[in-house]
Amino acid sequence: MEIKDFIKNLADQFDDVELEEFAPETKFKEFDEYSSLTALSIIAMVDDEYGVTLKGDDLRQVSTVQELFDIAKAKA
């Protein structure tokens, strides 16, 4: 699991945010497009792409892309 690929997969969950706006330090929940539906899409993406089951609590605990990646990688 690499952060570069993770960022691209995460960016794909946002229709109105360009890939260039994502970096490890990006606070993805601050995008206007972020919603509970986006959160569910992120959980499904991590499960599909990496075989890792995230919970809502996991998402609530993180604020940056790097923190989300670290949780997903730790559970892999």
N, C-alpha and C. Protein backbone atom coordinates (compact mmCIF):
# COMPACT_ATOMS: atom_id res chain seq x y z
N MET A 1 0.85 -1.17 0.00
CA MET A 1 0.00 0.00 0.00
C MET A 1 0.90 1.24 0.00
N GLU A 2 0.70 2.09 -0.99
CA GLU A 2 1.51 3.30 -1.13
C GLU A 2 0.63 4.53 -1.02
N ILE A 3 1.15 5.58 -0.40
CA ILE A 3 0.37 6.79 -0.17
C ILE A 3 -0.06 7.43 -1.49
N LYS A 4 0.79 7.38 -2.49
CA LYS A 4 0.46 7.99 -3.79
C LYS A 4 -0.79 7.36 -4.40
N ASP A 5 -0.85 6.04 -4.40
CA ASP A 5 -2.02 5.33 -4.94
C ASP A 5 -3.24 5.57 -4.05
N PHE A 6 -3.02 5.59 -2.75
CA PHE A 6 -4.12 5.82 -1.81
C PHE A 6 -4.74 7.19 -2.05
N ILE A 7 -3.91 8.20 -2.28
CA ILE A 7 -4.41 9.55 -2.53
C ILE A 7 -5.25 9.58 -3.80
N LYS A 8 -4.78 8.92 -4.85
CA LYS A 8 -5.56 8.89 -6.09
C LYS A 8 -6.91 8.22 -5.87
N ASN A 9 -6.92 7.09 -5.18
CA ASN A 9 -8.18 6.38 -4.91
C ASN A 9 -9.11 7.21 -4.04
N LEU A 10 -8.55 7.92 -3.08
CA LEU A 10 -9.37 8.78 -2.22
C LEU A 10 -9.93 9.94 -3.03
N ALA A 11 -9.11 10.56 -3.86
CA ALA A 11 -9.56 11.68 -4.69
C ALA A 11 -10.70 11.27 -5.62
N ASP A 12 -10.68 10.02 -6.06
CA ASP A 12 -11.75 9.52 -6.94
C ASP A 12 -13.12 9.51 -6.25
N GLN A 13 -13.15 9.58 -4.94
CA GLN A 13 -14.42 9.59 -4.20
C GLN A 13 -15.05 10.99 -4.18
N PHE A 14 -14.30 11.97 -4.63
CA PHE A 14 -14.76 13.36 -4.65
C PHE A 14 -14.94 13.80 -6.11
N ASP A 15 -16.17 14.08 -6.52
CA ASP A 15 -16.43 14.45 -7.91
C ASP A 15 -15.95 15.87 -8.24
N ASP A 16 -16.04 16.78 -7.28
CA ASP A 16 -15.77 18.19 -7.55
C ASP A 16 -14.43 18.69 -7.03
N VAL A 17 -13.57 17.78 -6.61
CA VAL A 17 -12.25 18.17 -6.09
C VAL A 17 -11.18 17.51 -6.96
N GLU A 18 -10.25 18.32 -7.45
CA GLU A 18 -9.20 17.81 -8.32
C GLU A 18 -8.14 17.04 -7.53
N LEU A 19 -7.52 16.08 -8.18
CA LEU A 19 -6.47 15.27 -7.56
C LEU A 19 -5.35 16.15 -7.00
N GLU A 20 -5.03 17.23 -7.69
CA GLU A 20 -3.94 18.12 -7.27
C GLU A 20 -4.19 18.75 -5.90
N GLU A 21 -5.44 18.76 -5.46
CA GLU A 21 -5.77 19.36 -4.17
C GLU A 21 -5.52 18.39 -3.00
N PHE A 22 -5.16 17.15 -3.32
CA PHE A 22 -4.92 16.14 -2.30
C PHE A 22 -3.43 15.93 -2.07
N ALA A 23 -3.05 15.89 -0.82
CA ALA A 23 -1.68 15.60 -0.39
C ALA A 23 -1.80 14.91 0.96
N PRO A 24 -0.73 14.32 1.47
CA PRO A 24 -0.82 13.64 2.78
C PRO A 24 -1.37 14.54 3.89
N GLU A 25 -1.06 15.84 3.85
CA GLU A 25 -1.51 16.73 4.93
C GLU A 25 -2.89 17.34 4.67
N THR A 26 -3.54 16.99 3.57
CA THR A 26 -4.85 17.54 3.23
C THR A 26 -5.90 17.10 4.26
N LYS A 27 -6.66 18.07 4.74
CA LYS A 27 -7.78 17.78 5.64
C LYS A 27 -9.02 17.58 4.77
N PHE A 28 -9.19 16.34 4.31
CA PHE A 28 -10.21 16.03 3.31
C PHE A 28 -11.63 16.28 3.78
N LYS A 29 -11.87 16.26 5.06
CA LYS A 29 -13.22 16.51 5.58
C LYS A 29 -13.63 17.97 5.45
N GLU A 30 -12.68 18.85 5.17
CA GLU A 30 -12.98 20.27 5.04
C GLU A 30 -13.48 20.64 3.65
N PHE A 31 -13.40 19.71 2.69
CA PHE A 31 -13.95 19.98 1.37
C PHE A 31 -15.47 20.08 1.48
N ASP A 32 -16.05 21.03 0.75
CA ASP A 32 -17.51 21.21 0.78
C ASP A 32 -18.25 19.95 0.38
N GLU A 33 -17.65 19.17 -0.48
CA GLU A 33 -18.30 17.96 -0.98
C GLU A 33 -18.35 16.83 0.06
N TYR A 34 -17.53 16.89 1.09
CA TYR A 34 -17.49 15.80 2.08
C TYR A 34 -18.82 15.71 2.82
N SER A 35 -19.36 14.50 2.89
CA SER A 35 -20.63 14.25 3.57
C SER A 35 -20.62 12.82 4.10
N SER A 36 -21.69 12.43 4.72
CA SER A 36 -21.78 11.05 5.21
C SER A 36 -21.76 10.07 4.05
N LEU A 37 -22.29 10.47 2.91
CA LEU A 37 -22.25 9.60 1.73
C LEU A 37 -20.82 9.44 1.22
N THR A 38 -20.05 10.51 1.27
CA THR A 38 -18.64 10.44 0.89
C THR A 38 -17.90 9.52 1.85
N ALA A 39 -18.20 9.63 3.13
CA ALA A 39 -17.57 8.78 4.13
C ALA A 39 -17.84 7.30 3.82
N LEU A 40 -19.06 6.98 3.47
CA LEU A 40 -19.40 5.60 3.11
C LEU A 40 -18.64 5.16 1.86
N SER A 41 -18.50 6.07 0.90
CA SER A 41 -17.74 5.76 -0.32
C SER A 41 -16.28 5.48 0.00
N ILE A 42 -15.71 6.25 0.93
CA ILE A 42 -14.32 6.05 1.33
C ILE A 42 -14.16 4.69 2.01
N ILE A 43 -15.08 4.36 2.90
CA ILE A 43 -15.03 3.06 3.58
C ILE A 43 -15.11 1.93 2.55
N ALA A 44 -16.01 2.06 1.58
CA ALA A 44 -16.16 1.03 0.54
C ALA A 44 -14.91 0.94 -0.33
N MET A 45 -14.32 2.09 -0.67
CA MET A 45 -13.11 2.11 -1.49
C MET A 45 -11.96 1.40 -0.78
N VAL A 46 -11.77 1.68 0.49
CA VAL A 46 -10.68 1.06 1.25
C VAL A 46 -10.90 -0.45 1.32
N ASP A 47 -12.14 -0.87 1.49
CA ASP A 47 -12.45 -2.30 1.53
C ASP A 47 -12.18 -2.95 0.17
N ASP A 48 -12.66 -2.33 -0.90
CA ASP A 48 -12.50 -2.89 -2.25
C ASP A 48 -11.04 -2.92 -2.69
N GLU A 49 -10.34 -1.81 -2.50
CA GLU A 49 -8.98 -1.67 -3.03
C GLU A 49 -7.92 -2.36 -2.17
N TYR A 50 -8.15 -2.37 -0.85
CA TYR A 50 -7.10 -2.84 0.06
C TYR A 50 -7.52 -4.00 0.96
N GLY A 51 -8.80 -4.39 0.89
CA GLY A 51 -9.27 -5.49 1.72
C GLY A 51 -9.27 -5.16 3.20
N VAL A 52 -9.42 -3.87 3.52
CA VAL A 52 -9.38 -3.40 4.90
C VAL A 52 -10.76 -2.87 5.27
N THR A 53 -11.27 -3.31 6.41
CA THR A 53 -12.56 -2.85 6.88
C THR A 53 -12.38 -1.69 7.84
N LEU A 54 -12.81 -0.51 7.41
CA LEU A 54 -12.81 0.67 8.29
C LEU A 54 -14.19 0.84 8.88
N LYS A 55 -14.24 1.44 10.03
CA LYS A 55 -15.51 1.75 10.69
C LYS A 55 -15.70 3.25 10.72
N GLY A 56 -16.92 3.68 11.00
CA GLY A 56 -17.20 5.10 11.10
C GLY A 56 -16.30 5.77 12.14
N ASP A 57 -16.03 5.07 13.24
CA ASP A 57 -15.16 5.62 14.28
C ASP A 57 -13.75 5.88 13.75
N ASP A 58 -13.29 5.02 12.85
CA ASP A 58 -11.96 5.22 12.26
C ASP A 58 -11.92 6.55 11.50
N LEU A 59 -12.97 6.82 10.74
CA LEU A 59 -13.02 8.08 9.99
C LEU A 59 -13.17 9.28 10.92
N ARG A 60 -13.92 9.12 11.97
CA ARG A 60 -14.11 10.24 12.91
C ARG A 60 -12.81 10.60 13.62
N GLN A 61 -11.91 9.65 13.79
CA GLN A 61 -10.65 9.88 14.50
C GLN A 61 -9.61 10.61 13.67
N VAL A 62 -9.76 10.64 12.36
CA VAL A 62 -8.73 11.22 11.50
C VAL A 62 -9.17 12.56 10.95
N SER A 63 -8.18 13.36 10.57
CA SER A 63 -8.51 14.61 9.90
C SER A 63 -7.73 14.77 8.59
N THR A 64 -6.58 14.11 8.46
CA THR A 64 -5.79 14.25 7.24
C THR A 64 -5.76 12.95 6.44
N VAL A 65 -5.37 13.07 5.19
CA VAL A 65 -5.21 11.91 4.33
C VAL A 65 -4.17 10.95 4.92
N GLN A 66 -3.07 11.50 5.43
CA GLN A 66 -2.01 10.66 6.02
C GLN A 66 -2.55 9.84 7.19
N GLU A 67 -3.34 10.45 8.05
CA GLU A 67 -3.89 9.73 9.21
C GLU A 67 -4.81 8.60 8.75
N LEU A 68 -5.62 8.86 7.73
CA LEU A 68 -6.50 7.82 7.19
C LEU A 68 -5.67 6.69 6.58
N PHE A 69 -4.65 7.05 5.83
CA PHE A 69 -3.76 6.06 5.23
C PHE A 69 -3.10 5.21 6.31
N ASP A 70 -2.63 5.86 7.38
CA ASP A 70 -1.95 5.13 8.46
C ASP A 70 -2.87 4.11 9.12
N ILE A 71 -4.13 4.48 9.34
CA ILE A 71 -5.09 3.54 9.93
C ILE A 71 -5.34 2.37 8.98
N ALA A 72 -5.56 2.67 7.72
CA ALA A 72 -5.81 1.62 6.74
C ALA A 72 -4.61 0.69 6.63
N LYS A 73 -3.42 1.25 6.62
CA LYS A 73 -2.21 0.43 6.50
C LYS A 73 -2.00 -0.43 7.74
N ALA A 74 -2.31 0.12 8.92
CA ALA A 74 -2.15 -0.65 10.15
C ALA A 74 -3.11 -1.84 10.20
N LYS A 75 -4.27 -1.70 9.58
CA LYS A 75 -5.27 -2.77 9.60
C LYS A 75 -5.06 -3.79 8.47
N ALA A 76 -4.18 -3.45 7.52
CA ALA A 76 -3.96 -4.33 6.36
C ALA A 76 -3.21 -5.59 6.76
